[in-house]
Protein backbone atom coordinates (compact mmCIF):
# COMPACT_ATOMS: atom_id res chain seq x y z
CA MET A 1 1.33 50.65 -36.41
CA LYS A 2 -1.17 48.28 -37.70
CA THR A 3 0.60 44.91 -37.04
CA THR A 4 1.91 45.77 -33.67
CA THR A 5 -1.64 46.53 -32.68
CA LEU A 6 -2.69 42.85 -34.15
CA LEU A 7 0.19 41.38 -32.18
CA ILE A 8 -0.88 42.84 -29.23
CA PHE A 9 -4.41 42.20 -29.50
CA GLY A 10 -3.31 38.46 -30.26
CA PHE A 11 -1.46 38.30 -27.41
CA LEU A 12 -4.21 39.61 -25.00
CA THR A 13 -6.75 37.41 -26.64
CA PHE A 14 -4.15 34.24 -26.05
CA SER A 15 -3.46 35.70 -22.41
CA MET A 16 -7.32 35.65 -21.93
CA ILE A 17 -7.71 32.25 -23.06
CA ALA A 18 -4.98 30.71 -20.88
CA GLN A 19 -6.12 32.45 -17.81
CA ASN A 20 -10.02 31.06 -18.38
CA ASN A 21 -8.71 27.57 -19.05
CA ILE A 22 -6.74 27.47 -15.50
CA ARG A 23 -8.85 25.08 -13.45
CA THR A 24 -11.36 26.71 -11.05
CA ALA A 25 -13.38 25.57 -8.02
CA ASP A 26 -16.27 25.16 -9.93
CA ASP A 27 -14.50 22.87 -12.46
CA ILE A 28 -13.79 20.69 -9.08
CA ILE A 29 -17.59 20.52 -7.60
CA GLU A 30 -18.59 19.45 -10.70
CA GLN A 31 -16.64 16.38 -10.86
CA THR A 32 -18.70 13.43 -10.39
CA GLU A 33 -18.85 12.95 -6.76
CA LYS A 34 -17.35 9.52 -4.88
CA LYS A 35 -19.90 7.82 -2.40
CA ALA A 36 -18.89 6.22 1.09
CA GLY A 37 -20.29 4.81 3.67
CA ILE A 38 -17.85 6.60 6.47
CA TYR A 39 -14.56 7.95 4.95
CA ARG A 40 -11.20 6.40 5.82
CA ILE A 41 -8.08 7.58 5.13
CA SER A 42 -6.50 5.66 2.25
CA GLY A 43 -3.93 2.73 2.69
CA THR A 44 -0.74 4.53 0.65
CA TYR A 45 2.61 5.44 1.55
CA LEU A 46 1.88 8.94 0.96
CA ASN A 47 1.92 11.49 4.20
CA THR A 48 -1.49 12.91 4.90
CA ALA A 49 -2.65 16.19 6.59
CA VAL A 50 -6.01 17.03 7.63
CA VAL A 51 -8.27 20.00 7.09
CA ASN A 52 -11.19 20.12 9.51
CA MET A 53 -14.26 21.63 8.97
CA ASN A 54 -17.79 21.66 10.92
CA TYR A 55 -20.88 20.37 9.39
CA ALA A 56 -22.52 22.75 7.47
CA GLN A 57 -19.91 25.33 7.81
CA SER A 58 -17.05 26.34 5.59
CA ASN A 59 -14.70 27.67 7.64
CA VAL A 60 -11.43 26.03 8.41
CA LEU A 61 -11.04 25.21 11.91
CA SER A 62 -7.36 23.66 11.85
CA VAL A 63 -4.71 22.09 9.51
CA MET A 64 -2.28 19.57 10.14
CA ASP A 65 1.37 20.15 8.74
CA GLN A 66 0.65 23.57 7.29
CA GLU A 67 3.93 24.74 7.51
CA LEU A 68 5.41 21.47 6.08
CA LEU A 69 2.79 21.81 2.85
CA GLN A 70 3.99 24.88 1.95
CA LYS A 71 7.19 22.83 0.24
CA ALA A 72 5.22 19.42 0.12
CA GLU A 73 4.52 17.67 -3.41
CA ILE A 74 0.72 17.36 -3.03
CA ILE A 75 -0.68 14.83 -4.82
CA GLN A 76 -4.47 14.33 -3.66
CA ILE A 77 -7.03 16.48 -1.80
CA ASP A 78 -10.44 14.61 -0.83
CA LEU A 79 -13.04 16.94 0.01
CA ILE A 80 -15.49 15.24 2.49
CA TYR A 81 -19.20 15.87 3.45
CA THR A 82 -22.04 13.93 4.66
CA ASP A 83 -24.97 13.03 2.73
CA TYR A 84 -27.45 15.31 4.91
CA PRO A 85 -30.31 16.30 4.43
CA LYS A 86 -30.30 13.18 2.18
CA GLY A 87 -29.40 13.94 -1.51
CA GLN A 88 -29.10 17.80 -1.14
CA ASP A 89 -27.24 19.75 -3.58
CA ILE A 90 -24.56 21.73 -1.29
CA LYS A 91 -22.20 22.56 -4.43
CA SER A 92 -22.29 26.07 -3.25
CA LEU A 93 -21.30 25.35 0.22
CA ASN A 94 -18.38 23.13 -1.05
CA LYS A 95 -17.19 25.90 -3.23
CA LYS A 96 -16.85 27.89 -0.28
CA ARG A 97 -14.99 25.00 1.49
CA ILE A 98 -12.54 24.87 -1.27
CA LEU A 99 -11.96 28.53 -1.43
CA ASN A 100 -11.01 28.82 1.96
CA MET A 101 -8.60 26.17 1.74
CA LEU A 102 -6.81 28.27 -0.62
CA ASP A 103 -5.38 29.98 2.60
CA ILE A 104 -3.75 26.80 3.30
CA ARG A 105 -1.82 27.21 -0.39
CA SER A 106 -2.59 29.27 -3.00
CA ASP A 107 -2.13 26.77 -5.94
CA LEU A 108 -4.42 24.11 -4.45
CA VAL A 109 -6.96 24.79 -7.01
CA LYS A 110 -5.04 25.86 -9.90
CA ASN A 111 -2.19 23.70 -9.86
CA GLU A 112 -3.64 20.69 -12.21
CA SER A 113 -1.15 18.19 -11.04
CA ILE A 114 -3.12 18.03 -7.54
CA ASN A 115 -6.12 15.78 -8.15
CA TRP A 116 -9.38 16.42 -6.28
CA SER A 117 -12.25 14.09 -5.20
CA VAL A 118 -15.46 15.30 -3.76
CA VAL A 119 -16.40 12.58 -1.14
CA ARG A 120 -20.01 12.03 0.03
CA GLN A 121 -20.50 10.01 3.35
CA MET A 122 -23.63 7.81 3.25
CA HIS A 123 -23.82 6.58 6.53
CA CYS A 124 -25.76 9.30 8.23
CA ASN A 125 -30.19 9.51 8.62
CA SER A 126 -30.16 12.50 10.84
CA GLU A 127 -28.42 15.93 11.44
CA SER A 128 -27.19 14.66 14.77
CA GLU A 129 -25.38 11.91 13.25
CA ALA A 130 -24.29 14.20 10.76
CA LYS A 131 -22.58 16.49 12.78
CA ILE A 132 -20.56 13.85 14.34
CA MET A 133 -18.94 12.57 11.50
CA PHE A 134 -15.65 14.11 9.91
CA HIS A 135 -16.20 17.08 7.78
CA GLY A 136 -13.42 18.92 5.65
CA ALA A 137 -10.67 17.66 3.83
CA VAL A 138 -7.71 15.29 3.68
CA ILE A 139 -4.42 16.09 1.83
CA TYR A 140 -2.20 13.51 0.48
CA TYR A 141 1.34 14.47 0.33
CA LEU A 142 5.19 13.89 -0.30
CA SER A 143 7.46 15.55 2.29
CA PRO A 144 10.25 17.76 0.68
CA GLN A 145 13.72 16.25 1.04
CA ASN A 146 15.80 17.32 3.51
CA LYS A 147 18.77 15.75 5.34
CA ASP A 148 16.82 14.71 8.43
CA LEU A 149 14.55 12.88 5.81
CA SER A 150 17.61 11.44 4.22
CA ASP A 151 18.95 10.11 7.36
CA TYR A 152 15.57 8.81 8.64
CA GLU A 153 15.27 7.02 5.25
CA ILE A 154 19.07 5.48 5.79
CA ASN A 155 17.93 4.10 9.28
CA GLN A 156 14.94 2.34 7.66
CA TYR A 157 17.23 0.91 4.85
CA GLU A 158 19.66 -0.34 7.75
CA GLY A 159 16.45 -2.33 9.37
CA LEU A 160 16.49 -4.41 6.50
CA PRO A 161 17.20 -7.84 7.02
CA LYS A 162 21.00 -8.53 7.19
CA ASN A 163 21.04 -11.89 5.64
CA ASP A 164 19.16 -14.68 4.06
CA SER A 165 18.10 -16.62 7.23
CA VAL A 166 14.97 -14.91 7.79
CA GLU A 167 12.04 -16.74 7.13
CA ILE A 168 9.55 -15.11 4.22
CA THR A 169 5.84 -16.39 4.89
CA LYS A 170 2.44 -15.16 3.62
CA GLU A 171 1.93 -13.45 7.04
CA SER A 172 4.97 -11.52 6.87
CA LEU A 173 4.10 -10.47 2.75
CA LYS A 174 0.81 -8.60 4.58
CA GLN A 175 2.91 -5.59 5.74
CA PHE A 176 3.02 -4.68 2.15
CA LYS A 177 -1.16 -4.66 1.78
CA ASN A 178 -1.07 -0.81 0.90
CA ASP A 179 0.52 -1.38 -2.48
CA PRO A 180 2.33 -4.49 -3.00
CA VAL A 181 3.17 -3.71 -6.61
CA ILE A 182 6.53 -4.91 -6.77
CA ILE A 183 5.56 -8.42 -5.37
CA LYS A 184 2.57 -8.84 -7.51
CA ALA A 185 4.02 -7.82 -10.86
CA PHE A 186 6.92 -9.91 -10.35
CA GLU A 187 4.17 -12.83 -9.34
CA ARG A 188 2.38 -11.89 -13.08
CA ASN A 189 5.19 -11.79 -14.94
CA GLU A 190 7.96 -14.44 -15.19
CA TRP A 191 11.32 -12.62 -15.98
CA LYS A 192 14.15 -14.73 -15.75
CA GLU A 193 17.76 -13.68 -14.39
CA PRO A 194 16.25 -10.03 -14.85
CA THR A 195 18.25 -6.90 -15.52
CA ILE A 196 16.63 -4.75 -12.95
CA VAL A 197 17.17 -0.81 -12.85
CA ALA A 198 15.60 0.52 -9.37
CA ASP A 199 14.94 4.36 -8.16
CA VAL A 200 16.22 4.23 -4.60
CA THR A 201 15.74 8.03 -4.00
CA GLY A 202 13.30 9.57 -1.32
CA SER A 203 9.82 7.76 -0.73
CA MET A 204 10.95 4.66 -2.61
CA TYR A 205 12.18 2.82 0.57
CA PRO A 206 8.59 0.92 0.98
CA TYR A 207 9.16 -0.46 -2.52
CA MET A 208 12.74 -1.30 -2.13
CA LYS A 209 11.53 -3.20 0.82
CA GLN A 210 9.35 -4.95 -1.20
CA MET A 211 11.93 -6.00 -3.59
CA VAL A 212 14.15 -7.29 -0.81
CA PHE A 213 11.57 -9.67 0.32
CA TRP A 214 10.93 -10.73 -3.31
CA PHE A 215 14.40 -11.39 -3.65
CA LEU A 216 14.57 -13.54 -0.56
CA LEU A 217 11.51 -15.53 -1.32
CA LYS A 218 12.08 -15.99 -4.99
CA MET A 219 15.68 -15.07 -6.17
CA ASN A 220 18.41 -15.73 -3.45
CA ARG A 221 20.97 -18.51 -4.84
CA LYS A 222 18.75 -19.67 -7.21
CA GLU A 223 19.30 -16.98 -10.15
CA ASN A 224 21.73 -14.17 -11.15
CA VAL A 225 19.91 -11.05 -10.84
CA TYR A 226 21.82 -8.01 -12.70
CA LEU A 227 21.16 -4.78 -10.63
CA THR A 228 21.31 -1.28 -11.32
CA LEU A 229 20.43 1.13 -8.49
CA PHE A 230 20.56 5.04 -8.92
CA ASN A 231 20.16 7.65 -6.54
CA ASP A 232 20.30 10.68 -8.79
CA GLY A 233 24.03 12.00 -8.46
CA ASP A 234 25.41 10.50 -5.36
CA GLY A 235 24.21 13.79 -3.33
CA LYS A 236 25.43 16.22 -6.24
CA LYS A 237 23.88 19.91 -6.23
CA ASN A 238 21.10 20.39 -8.85
CA ARG A 239 22.96 22.88 -10.65
CA PHE A 240 25.98 20.17 -11.17
CA LYS A 241 23.45 17.66 -12.81
CA ALA A 242 24.26 17.07 -16.37
CA ILE A 243 22.06 15.22 -19.02
CA GLY A 244 23.83 11.67 -19.50
CA SER A 245 26.56 12.21 -16.44
CA THR A 246 24.41 12.85 -13.58
CA GLY A 247 25.63 9.76 -11.95
CA GLY A 248 24.94 7.92 -8.84
CA ILE A 249 24.44 4.75 -10.49
CA HIS A 250 25.63 1.48 -8.67
CA ASN A 251 25.69 -1.83 -10.27
CA VAL A 252 26.18 -5.66 -9.44
CA LYS A 253 25.41 -9.19 -10.75
CA THR A 254 24.55 -11.28 -8.12
CA LYS A 255 22.44 -14.20 -6.44
CA GLU A 256 23.75 -13.43 -3.11
CA TYR A 257 20.86 -11.40 -0.69
CA ALA A 258 23.82 -9.95 1.32
CA VAL A 259 25.61 -8.67 -1.91
CA PHE A 260 22.28 -6.94 -3.11
CA ARG A 261 21.75 -5.56 0.35
CA GLU A 262 25.55 -4.13 0.57
CA LEU A 263 24.71 -2.44 -2.60
CA LEU A 264 21.47 -1.05 -1.68
CA LEU A 265 23.01 0.52 1.56
CA GLU A 266 25.70 2.06 -0.06
CA THR A 267 23.51 3.55 -3.00
CA VAL A 268 21.32 5.16 -0.65
CA SER A 269 23.97 6.48 2.16
CA TYR A 270 24.61 9.29 -0.45
CA GLY A 271 21.29 10.63 0.02
CA CYS A 272 18.73 11.92 -2.15
CA GLY A 273 19.88 14.53 -4.96
CA GLY A 274 17.13 17.06 -3.97
CA ASP A 275 14.94 17.69 -7.28
CA SER A 276 12.01 15.80 -8.45
CA PRO A 277 13.21 14.58 -11.65
CA GLU A 278 15.43 11.39 -12.08
CA ASN A 279 18.35 10.03 -14.27
CA ASP A 280 16.23 6.99 -15.12
CA LEU A 281 17.36 6.71 -18.65
CA GLU A 282 21.48 7.10 -17.90
CA ALA A 283 20.87 4.37 -15.20
CA ILE A 284 18.94 2.12 -17.84
CA ILE A 285 21.68 2.77 -20.44
CA LYS A 286 24.55 1.90 -18.05
CA ALA A 287 22.41 -1.39 -17.32
CA GLN A 288 22.28 -2.19 -20.89
CA LYS A 289 25.93 -1.53 -21.37
CA GLU A 290 27.08 -3.69 -18.72
CA ASN A 291 24.90 -6.34 -19.66
CA PRO A 292 25.32 -6.81 -23.16
CA LYS A 293 22.95 -9.99 -23.50
CA ALA A 294 20.23 -8.69 -21.53
CA LYS A 295 16.94 -8.61 -23.50
CA GLU A 296 14.65 -6.72 -21.62
CA ILE A 297 14.89 -4.15 -18.58
CA ILE A 298 12.71 -3.81 -15.76
CA LEU A 299 12.69 -0.47 -14.57
CA ILE A 300 11.22 -0.08 -10.60
CA ALA A 301 10.30 3.76 -11.21
CA ASP A 302 9.03 6.31 -8.94
CA ASN A 303 5.80 7.54 -10.52
CA PHE A 304 5.84 10.95 -8.62
CA SER A 305 9.09 11.98 -10.48
CA GLU A 306 9.55 12.93 -13.83
CA ILE A 307 12.29 11.46 -15.95
CA ARG A 308 14.85 14.36 -16.27
CA ASP A 309 16.96 12.65 -19.38
CA TYR A 310 14.30 11.79 -21.49
CA ARG A 311 16.19 12.95 -24.59
CA LEU A 312 18.47 10.23 -24.09
CA ILE A 313 15.77 7.28 -25.00
CA ASP A 314 17.24 6.85 -28.66
CA GLN A 315 20.44 5.19 -26.99
CA ILE A 316 17.85 2.50 -25.37
CA THR A 317 18.02 -0.61 -27.86
CA ILE A 318 15.83 -2.99 -25.61
CA PRO A 319 12.52 -2.90 -24.33
CA VAL A 320 11.97 -1.00 -20.82
CA ARG A 321 9.08 -3.02 -18.68
CA VAL A 322 8.35 -0.52 -16.11
CA ILE A 323 7.12 -1.39 -12.66
CA LEU A 324 5.53 1.81 -11.71
CA CYS A 325 5.01 2.93 -7.90
CA GLY A 326 2.62 5.05 -6.42
CA THR A 327 -0.17 5.36 -8.89
CA LYS A 328 -3.00 5.40 -6.59
CA TYR A 329 -4.03 8.80 -7.79
CA ARG A 330 -2.65 9.51 -11.19
CA ILE A 331 -0.38 7.83 -13.55
CA ASN A 332 2.87 9.59 -14.83
CA LEU A 333 2.94 10.00 -18.66
CA ASP A 334 6.73 9.79 -18.88
CA TYR A 335 6.94 6.14 -18.07
CA ILE A 336 4.15 4.74 -20.48
CA ASN A 337 5.82 7.26 -23.29
CA LEU A 338 9.04 5.23 -22.34
CA ALA A 339 7.59 1.94 -22.40
CA ARG A 340 6.09 2.49 -25.82
CA LYS A 341 9.17 4.13 -27.38
CA THR A 342 11.62 1.26 -26.19
CA GLY A 343 8.85 -1.69 -27.41
CA GLY A 344 8.13 -2.22 -23.30
CA SER A 345 5.25 -2.46 -21.04
CA VAL A 346 3.99 -1.11 -17.73
CA HIS A 347 3.03 -2.78 -14.80
CA THR A 348 1.05 -1.62 -11.69
CA LEU A 349 -0.34 -3.42 -8.81
CA LYS A 350 -3.64 -4.78 -10.73
CA GLU A 351 -2.74 -4.15 -14.26
CA ASP A 352 -0.01 -5.22 -17.31
CA LEU A 353 -0.10 -2.86 -20.46
CA GLU A 354 1.64 -4.63 -23.00
CA ASP A 355 1.97 -4.28 -27.03
CA LEU A 356 2.11 -0.28 -26.26
CA ILE A 357 4.25 0.06 -29.48
CA LYS A 358 2.03 -1.76 -31.81
CA LYS A 359 -0.72 1.45 -30.78
CA SER A 360 -0.98 3.63 -33.97
CA GLU A 361 -1.23 7.21 -34.17
CA GLY A 362 -5.03 8.57 -33.29
CA GLU A 363 -5.58 5.14 -31.40
CA SER A 364 -7.55 5.11 -27.90
CA PHE A 365 -7.02 2.82 -24.75
CA SER A 366 -7.96 2.13 -21.56
CA PHE A 367 -5.68 1.77 -18.56
CA MET A 368 -6.17 1.95 -14.62
CA GLY A 369 -9.65 3.42 -15.31
CA LYS A 370 -8.13 6.29 -17.67
CA MET A 371 -8.51 6.91 -21.43
CA TYR A 372 -5.48 7.49 -23.27
CA GLU A 373 -4.80 8.24 -27.29
CA ILE A 374 -1.69 8.78 -29.20
CA ILE A 375 -0.82 12.22 -30.36
CA ASP A 376 1.74 13.34 -32.37
CA GLY A 377 3.70 9.86 -31.45
CA MET A 378 3.45 10.45 -28.06
CA VAL A 379 0.59 8.99 -25.05
CA MET A 380 -1.64 11.70 -23.69
CA GLU A 381 -4.49 11.42 -21.59
CA LYS A 382 -7.86 12.04 -23.02
CA VAL A 383 -9.54 14.80 -21.63
CA SER A 384 -13.65 14.65 -21.54
CA LYS A 385 -14.11 17.42 -19.82
CA ILE A 386 -14.61 20.93 -21.83
CA LYS A 387 -13.10 23.81 -19.98
CA ARG A 388 -15.05 27.36 -20.04
CA ILE A 389 -13.41 29.98 -22.24
């Protein structure tokens, strides 16, 4: 009886601690606020939904795409307000605004995969100026995958240049100004006759278009490229996806753009697999097997998708260099750990994270403005905030 009581007490105590560790509206408004002259929607490839509120009020007036947001993967929320009266503490008002947004979707606060920023607009010197500025929130999200979205993405791919007669200029490359990570990563690193493994599932079109332009600019008819493209199962239903045999992996060795384009269109023609986690490692292992002389793998990865088959990592015998797409708001630790375990590296728009394998247990390091440390052999984000208990 005593043992049972202790077990129940321990369970209740653990439950209370777990509940108290859930992120709250107070946690969000206690973050260091960001400052902007006038807020402008960030240049990303994410969809955006605007939540309108009034100056000095907390009620939600309108929400874009509210029905779509119920199933969407929300990445970032910016809460936006004005610096008037100048320097005034409006945390109480902002807390009400955040709580009222829970009518849009109940997990916006407690779901810690959703990043929040609080943004104070500084370019206002009177109440009348403040009133005409935007107040509310901007939600950045990925649309849920469905047939209509897949068909739309396939049509986009079919619009890619049909042959290598197109001239690639500095002006034409400006279309990628939002996040030219593929082009910049290849510019900084001299990978010769690379073995490339690329995720072509939903939302990767902007990055695959960059890869097309890079191929036309740098590689076409100059040197061979080993290409392995994967779509997470050739349209296979989630329940049939087995670790190591999900499929949807297509590969070719070529220096001809037309061959690359054909492979790309073939791979995306099957549509998306549906769920977020992808079979990255299965694709890497196949590329490694097809190209036994490869010294490294260049993985073009979707930062918003987890690695489903991480347990296959021991089958990878060469370094994986990850070009990580979509890192403006967060870094997916799956890919940092993949790079570290294989002796590889991680490459984003402006930074290259090298020599991960040399970092020892307990060591801390900085990357993309955040601190990380090695704990029990894994890279973890270093959290400075102490949560309430």
